[in-house]
Amino acid sequence: MIPAAGSYAMDGRDGRIGRVSGHRGPFVQLRPPGGGAEWNCPPGLLRGVPRFAALAARLRDLNWQSSRIP
């Protein structure tokens, strides 16, 4: 099952946490919290994110977004 866009998931290959930005072909696209280059992960290698890690990732995203407001 592919996680919904906007949710957080962990790449089981290396433990990176990213926000799901979509899926294309056989991959799910993840973007690191706080911006950065998107990467592809096979859906079968996605892992759930512990609640504390999801909250920390969300906070990084919110801080990054607020710093971009003119």
C-alpha atoms as a PDB file:
ATOM      1  CA  MET A   1       0.000   0.000   0.000  1.00  0.00           C
ATOM      2  CA  ILE A   2       1.368   3.401  -0.991  1.00  0.00           C
ATOM      3  CA  PRO A   3       1.183   6.080   1.731  1.00  0.00           C
ATOM      4  CA  ALA A   4      -0.866   9.195   1.035  1.00  0.00           C
ATOM      5  CA  ALA A   5       0.852  12.288  -0.335  1.00  0.00           C
ATOM      6  CA  GLY A   6       1.897  14.564   2.516  1.00  0.00           C
ATOM      7  CA  SER A   7       2.485  11.737   4.974  1.00  0.00           C
ATOM      8  CA  TYR A   8       5.927  10.713   6.193  1.00  0.00           C
ATOM      9  CA  ALA A   9       7.646   7.422   5.470  1.00  0.00           C
ATOM     10  CA  MET A  10      11.057   5.898   6.058  1.00  0.00           C
ATOM     11  CA  ASP A  11      13.213   4.537   3.259  1.00  0.00           C
ATOM     12  CA  GLY A  12      14.084   1.061   4.508  1.00  0.00           C
ATOM     13  CA  ARG A  13      17.326   1.028   2.531  1.00  0.00           C
ATOM     14  CA  ASP A  14      19.062   3.726   4.557  1.00  0.00           C
ATOM     15  CA  GLY A  15      16.634   4.972   7.226  1.00  0.00           C
ATOM     16  CA  ARG A  16      16.029   8.397   5.691  1.00  0.00           C
ATOM     17  CA  ILE A  17      12.657   9.937   6.517  1.00  0.00           C
ATOM     18  CA  GLY A  18      10.811  11.860   3.839  1.00  0.00           C
ATOM     19  CA  ARG A  19       7.461  13.409   3.058  1.00  0.00           C
ATOM     20  CA  VAL A  20       5.614  11.482   0.365  1.00  0.00           C
ATOM     21  CA  SER A  21       5.201  13.807  -2.596  1.00  0.00           C
ATOM     22  CA  GLY A  22       3.685  11.293  -5.018  1.00  0.00           C
ATOM     23  CA  HIS A  23       4.284   8.146  -6.943  1.00  0.00           C
ATOM     24  CA  ARG A  24       5.330   7.574 -10.505  1.00  0.00           C
ATOM     25  CA  GLY A  25       5.755   4.220 -12.125  1.00  0.00           C
ATOM     26  CA  PRO A  26       7.075   1.654  -9.676  1.00  0.00           C
ATOM     27  CA  PHE A  27       8.466   4.239  -7.214  1.00  0.00           C
ATOM     28  CA  VAL A  28       7.267   6.521  -4.449  1.00  0.00           C
ATOM     29  CA  GLN A  29       8.842   9.981  -4.381  1.00  0.00           C
ATOM     30  CA  LEU A  30      10.065  11.241  -1.010  1.00  0.00           C
ATOM     31  CA  ARG A  31      11.354  14.699  -0.131  1.00  0.00           C
ATOM     32  CA  PRO A  32      13.463  15.355   2.976  1.00  0.00           C
ATOM     33  CA  PRO A  33      11.915  17.522   5.693  1.00  0.00           C
ATOM     34  CA  GLY A  34      13.023  21.110   5.324  1.00  0.00           C
ATOM     35  CA  GLY A  35      13.444  20.860   1.559  1.00  0.00           C
ATOM     36  CA  GLY A  36      16.011  19.219  -0.611  1.00  0.00           C
ATOM     37  CA  ALA A  37      16.242  16.861  -3.529  1.00  0.00           C
ATOM     38  CA  GLU A  38      13.461  14.355  -3.968  1.00  0.00           C
ATOM     39  CA  TRP A  39      14.400  10.678  -4.214  1.00  0.00           C
ATOM     40  CA  ASN A  40      12.689   7.485  -5.343  1.00  0.00           C
ATOM     41  CA  CYS A  41      11.961   4.510  -3.136  1.00  0.00           C
ATOM     42  CA  PRO A  42      10.353   1.201  -4.100  1.00  0.00           C
ATOM     43  CA  PRO A  43       7.026   0.911  -2.211  1.00  0.00           C
ATOM     44  CA  GLY A  44       8.008  -2.463  -0.751  1.00  0.00           C
ATOM     45  CA  LEU A  45      10.928  -0.856   1.077  1.00  0.00           C
ATOM     46  CA  LEU A  46       8.924   1.923   2.742  1.00  0.00           C
ATOM     47  CA  ARG A  47       8.625   1.686   6.505  1.00  0.00           C
ATOM     48  CA  GLY A  48       6.431   3.429   9.027  1.00  0.00           C
ATOM     49  CA  VAL A  49       7.829   6.371  10.946  1.00  0.00           C
ATOM     50  CA  PRO A  50       7.682   6.487  14.758  1.00  0.00           C
ATOM     51  CA  ARG A  51       5.354   9.217  15.977  1.00  0.00           C
ATOM     52  CA  PHE A  52       8.173  11.301  17.516  1.00  0.00           C
ATOM     53  CA  ALA A  53      10.147  11.169  14.253  1.00  0.00           C
ATOM     54  CA  ALA A  54       7.096  12.208  12.221  1.00  0.00           C
ATOM     55  CA  LEU A  55       6.511  15.159  14.568  1.00  0.00           C
ATOM     56  CA  ALA A  56      10.167  16.213  14.301  1.00  0.00           C
ATOM     57  CA  ALA A  57      10.014  15.981  10.500  1.00  0.00           C
ATOM     58  CA  ARG A  58       6.804  18.030  10.421  1.00  0.00           C
ATOM     59  CA  LEU A  59       8.421  20.681  12.625  1.00  0.00           C
ATOM     60  CA  ARG A  60      11.411  20.903  10.244  1.00  0.00           C
ATOM     61  CA  ASP A  61       8.993  21.347   7.330  1.00  0.00           C
ATOM     62  CA  LEU A  62       7.046  24.073   9.134  1.00  0.00           C
ATOM     63  CA  ASN A  63      10.228  25.931  10.113  1.00  0.00           C
ATOM     64  CA  TRP A  64      11.486  25.744   6.536  1.00  0.00           C
ATOM     65  CA  GLN A  65       8.165  27.025   5.170  1.00  0.00           C
ATOM     66  CA  SER A  66       8.014  29.908   7.655  1.00  0.00           C
ATOM     67  CA  SER A  67      11.533  31.030   6.718  1.00  0.00           C
ATOM     68  CA  ARG A  68      10.414  31.388   3.089  1.00  0.00           C
ATOM     69  CA  ILE A  69       7.599  33.861   3.835  1.00  0.00           C
ATOM     70  CA  PRO A  70       8.613  37.388   2.756  1.00  0.00           C
END
